Amino acid sequence: MSDVTIWHNPRCTKSRQALALLEAEGVDAEVVRYLDAAPDRATLEAVLVKLGTDDPRAIVRKGEKLYTELGLATADRGALLDAMATHPILIERPIVIRGDRATVGRPTEAVLDLLD
């Protein structure tokens, strides 16, 4: 098992770029297709800690149609976490995790900070 995990959506260009960057750096990352196996609320909470934030808006895709449909612009923290756990399409991608740190791979080069 690798010490690096990537929450990956193979249909997303940025996610594919981040995975390619990890491979180019010789990192054998554990690939989690989070759309197929949605993280639960506790896992989302843990990732926020690793990102160094308490705000789920740091990893929510505000441009998703579902974000608007669910009225999440005015949602509180708990509602955002519940929505992402229920509808993983709302989770920003890619998220790369290593140990007690994580980053959103936008820009892709942000992933390199985890490899230091």
C-alpha atoms as a PDB file:
ATOM      1  CA  MET A   1       0.000   0.000   0.000  1.00  0.00           C
ATOM      2  CA  SER A   2       1.274   3.424  -0.940  1.00  0.00           C
ATOM      3  CA  ASP A   3       1.626   6.314   1.473  1.00  0.00           C
ATOM      4  CA  VAL A   4       0.026   8.546  -1.187  1.00  0.00           C
ATOM      5  CA  THR A   5      -3.650   8.402  -2.086  1.00  0.00           C
ATOM      6  CA  ILE A   6      -5.384  10.279  -4.875  1.00  0.00           C
ATOM      7  CA  TRP A   7      -9.125  10.807  -5.020  1.00  0.00           C
ATOM      8  CA  HIS A   8      -9.401  10.417  -8.748  1.00  0.00           C
ATOM      9  CA  ASN A   9     -11.996  11.002 -11.430  1.00  0.00           C
ATOM     10  CA  PRO A  10     -10.640   9.575 -14.701  1.00  0.00           C
ATOM     11  CA  ARG A  11     -12.945  11.855 -16.697  1.00  0.00           C
ATOM     12  CA  CYS A  12     -11.341  14.978 -15.202  1.00  0.00           C
ATOM     13  CA  THR A  13      -8.343  16.459 -16.991  1.00  0.00           C
ATOM     14  CA  LYS A  14      -6.810  17.890 -13.800  1.00  0.00           C
ATOM     15  CA  SER A  15      -7.215  14.564 -12.044  1.00  0.00           C
ATOM     16  CA  ARG A  16      -5.537  12.707 -14.903  1.00  0.00           C
ATOM     17  CA  GLN A  17      -2.734  15.281 -14.921  1.00  0.00           C
ATOM     18  CA  ALA A  18      -2.162  14.881 -11.187  1.00  0.00           C
ATOM     19  CA  LEU A  19      -2.044  11.101 -11.479  1.00  0.00           C
ATOM     20  CA  ALA A  20       0.412  11.387 -14.389  1.00  0.00           C
ATOM     21  CA  LEU A  21       2.563  13.760 -12.334  1.00  0.00           C
ATOM     22  CA  LEU A  22       2.657  11.305  -9.445  1.00  0.00           C
ATOM     23  CA  GLU A  23       3.619   8.491 -11.817  1.00  0.00           C
ATOM     24  CA  ALA A  24       6.335  10.672 -13.410  1.00  0.00           C
ATOM     25  CA  GLU A  25       7.731  11.278  -9.922  1.00  0.00           C
ATOM     26  CA  GLY A  26       7.846   7.523  -9.316  1.00  0.00           C
ATOM     27  CA  VAL A  27       4.996   7.565  -6.798  1.00  0.00           C
ATOM     28  CA  ASP A  28       2.838   4.455  -6.740  1.00  0.00           C
ATOM     29  CA  ALA A  29      -0.289   6.131  -5.437  1.00  0.00           C
ATOM     30  CA  GLU A  30      -3.384   4.357  -4.231  1.00  0.00           C
ATOM     31  CA  VAL A  31      -6.110   5.481  -6.632  1.00  0.00           C
ATOM     32  CA  VAL A  32      -9.539   5.952  -5.085  1.00  0.00           C
ATOM     33  CA  ARG A  33     -12.343   6.479  -7.566  1.00  0.00           C
ATOM     34  CA  TYR A  34     -14.342   8.527  -5.136  1.00  0.00           C
ATOM     35  CA  LEU A  35     -17.372   8.745  -7.440  1.00  0.00           C
ATOM     36  CA  ASP A  36     -17.707   4.952  -7.199  1.00  0.00           C
ATOM     37  CA  ALA A  37     -16.894   4.743  -3.476  1.00  0.00           C
ATOM     38  CA  ALA A  38     -18.005   8.028  -1.930  1.00  0.00           C
ATOM     39  CA  PRO A  39     -16.155   9.089   1.208  1.00  0.00           C
ATOM     40  CA  ASP A  40     -18.354   9.310   4.273  1.00  0.00           C
ATOM     41  CA  ARG A  41     -18.664  12.421   6.383  1.00  0.00           C
ATOM     42  CA  ALA A  42     -15.960  11.311   8.835  1.00  0.00           C
ATOM     43  CA  THR A  43     -13.511  10.775   5.973  1.00  0.00           C
ATOM     44  CA  LEU A  44     -14.320  14.216   4.554  1.00  0.00           C
ATOM     45  CA  GLU A  45     -13.729  15.711   8.011  1.00  0.00           C
ATOM     46  CA  ALA A  46     -10.362  13.958   8.241  1.00  0.00           C
ATOM     47  CA  VAL A  47      -9.317  15.266   4.829  1.00  0.00           C
ATOM     48  CA  LEU A  48     -10.246  18.805   5.838  1.00  0.00           C
ATOM     49  CA  VAL A  49      -7.915  18.475   8.827  1.00  0.00           C
ATOM     50  CA  LYS A  50      -5.143  17.270   6.522  1.00  0.00           C
ATOM     51  CA  LEU A  51      -5.825  20.234   4.229  1.00  0.00           C
ATOM     52  CA  GLY A  52      -5.427  22.535   7.235  1.00  0.00           C
ATOM     53  CA  THR A  53      -8.942  23.904   7.111  1.00  0.00           C
ATOM     54  CA  ASP A  54     -12.269  23.428   8.828  1.00  0.00           C
ATOM     55  CA  ASP A  55     -14.242  24.824   5.883  1.00  0.00           C
ATOM     56  CA  PRO A  56     -15.806  22.271   3.540  1.00  0.00           C
ATOM     57  CA  ARG A  57     -16.113  24.998   0.903  1.00  0.00           C
ATOM     58  CA  ALA A  58     -12.393  24.407   0.307  1.00  0.00           C
ATOM     59  CA  ILE A  59     -13.294  21.120  -1.403  1.00  0.00           C
ATOM     60  CA  VAL A  60     -16.780  21.685  -2.775  1.00  0.00           C
ATOM     61  CA  ARG A  61     -17.319  22.210  -6.492  1.00  0.00           C
ATOM     62  CA  LYS A  62     -19.388  25.367  -6.556  1.00  0.00           C
ATOM     63  CA  GLY A  63     -19.743  25.217 -10.341  1.00  0.00           C
ATOM     64  CA  GLU A  64     -21.626  21.921 -10.307  1.00  0.00           C
ATOM     65  CA  LYS A  65     -25.267  22.214 -11.306  1.00  0.00           C
ATOM     66  CA  LEU A  66     -26.203  20.120  -8.270  1.00  0.00           C
ATOM     67  CA  TYR A  67     -24.597  22.710  -5.984  1.00  0.00           C
ATOM     68  CA  THR A  68     -27.148  25.256  -7.156  1.00  0.00           C
ATOM     69  CA  GLU A  69     -30.038  22.785  -7.273  1.00  0.00           C
ATOM     70  CA  LEU A  70     -29.457  21.814  -3.640  1.00  0.00           C
ATOM     71  CA  GLY A  71     -29.167  25.459  -2.531  1.00  0.00           C
ATOM     72  CA  LEU A  72     -25.712  24.902  -1.076  1.00  0.00           C
ATOM     73  CA  ALA A  73     -24.551  28.501  -1.493  1.00  0.00           C
ATOM     74  CA  THR A  74     -26.193  29.310   1.841  1.00  0.00           C
ATOM     75  CA  ALA A  75     -25.763  25.883   3.438  1.00  0.00           C
ATOM     76  CA  ASP A  76     -24.024  25.460   6.756  1.00  0.00           C
ATOM     77  CA  ARG A  77     -20.953  23.303   7.288  1.00  0.00           C
ATOM     78  CA  GLY A  78     -22.873  20.162   8.206  1.00  0.00           C
ATOM     79  CA  ALA A  79     -25.189  20.395   5.218  1.00  0.00           C
ATOM     80  CA  LEU A  80     -22.209  20.788   2.887  1.00  0.00           C
ATOM     81  CA  LEU A  81     -20.479  17.725   4.334  1.00  0.00           C
ATOM     82  CA  ASP A  82     -23.670  15.679   4.125  1.00  0.00           C
ATOM     83  CA  ALA A  83     -24.230  16.789   0.521  1.00  0.00           C
ATOM     84  CA  MET A  84     -20.688  15.817  -0.505  1.00  0.00           C
ATOM     85  CA  ALA A  85     -20.997  12.423   1.195  1.00  0.00           C
ATOM     86  CA  THR A  86     -24.291  11.812  -0.582  1.00  0.00           C
ATOM     87  CA  HIS A  87     -23.292  13.351  -3.921  1.00  0.00           C
ATOM     88  CA  PRO A  88     -19.525  12.893  -4.390  1.00  0.00           C
ATOM     89  CA  ILE A  89     -19.669  14.777  -7.715  1.00  0.00           C
ATOM     90  CA  LEU A  90     -19.656  17.856  -5.462  1.00  0.00           C
ATOM     91  CA  ILE A  91     -16.139  17.066  -4.201  1.00  0.00           C
ATOM     92  CA  GLU A  92     -13.293  18.979  -5.809  1.00  0.00           C
ATOM     93  CA  ARG A  93     -10.778  16.875  -7.650  1.00  0.00           C
ATOM     94  CA  PRO A  94      -8.203  15.664  -7.441  1.00  0.00           C
ATOM     95  CA  ILE A  95      -7.405  15.490  -3.760  1.00  0.00           C
ATOM     96  CA  VAL A  96      -4.022  13.972  -2.992  1.00  0.00           C
ATOM     97  CA  ILE A  97      -3.293  12.742   0.518  1.00  0.00           C
ATOM     98  CA  ARG A  98       0.038  11.799   2.058  1.00  0.00           C
ATOM     99  CA  GLY A  99       0.271  11.015   5.730  1.00  0.00           C
ATOM    100  CA  ASP A 100      -1.177  13.870   7.743  1.00  0.00           C
ATOM    101  CA  ARG A 101      -1.215  16.307   4.799  1.00  0.00           C
ATOM    102  CA  ALA A 102      -3.385  16.753   1.735  1.00  0.00           C
ATOM    103  CA  THR A 103      -3.793  19.124  -1.170  1.00  0.00           C
ATOM    104  CA  VAL A 104      -6.262  19.829  -3.903  1.00  0.00           C
ATOM    105  CA  GLY A 105      -4.387  19.286  -7.155  1.00  0.00           C
ATOM    106  CA  ARG A 106      -5.374  22.620  -8.696  1.00  0.00           C
ATOM    107  CA  PRO A 107      -3.000  23.636 -10.049  1.00  0.00           C
ATOM    108  CA  THR A 108      -1.543  20.223 -10.706  1.00  0.00           C
ATOM    109  CA  GLU A 109       1.866  21.329  -9.439  1.00  0.00           C
ATOM    110  CA  ALA A 110       0.398  21.716  -5.929  1.00  0.00           C
ATOM    111  CA  VAL A 111       0.793  17.950  -5.649  1.00  0.00           C
ATOM    112  CA  LEU A 112       4.571  18.332  -5.674  1.00  0.00           C
ATOM    113  CA  ASP A 113       4.429  20.064  -2.273  1.00  0.00           C
ATOM    114  CA  LEU A 114       3.293  16.775  -0.723  1.00  0.00           C
ATOM    115  CA  LEU A 115       6.258  14.900  -2.123  1.00  0.00           C
ATOM    116  CA  ASP A 116       8.906  16.994  -0.328  1.00  0.00           C
END
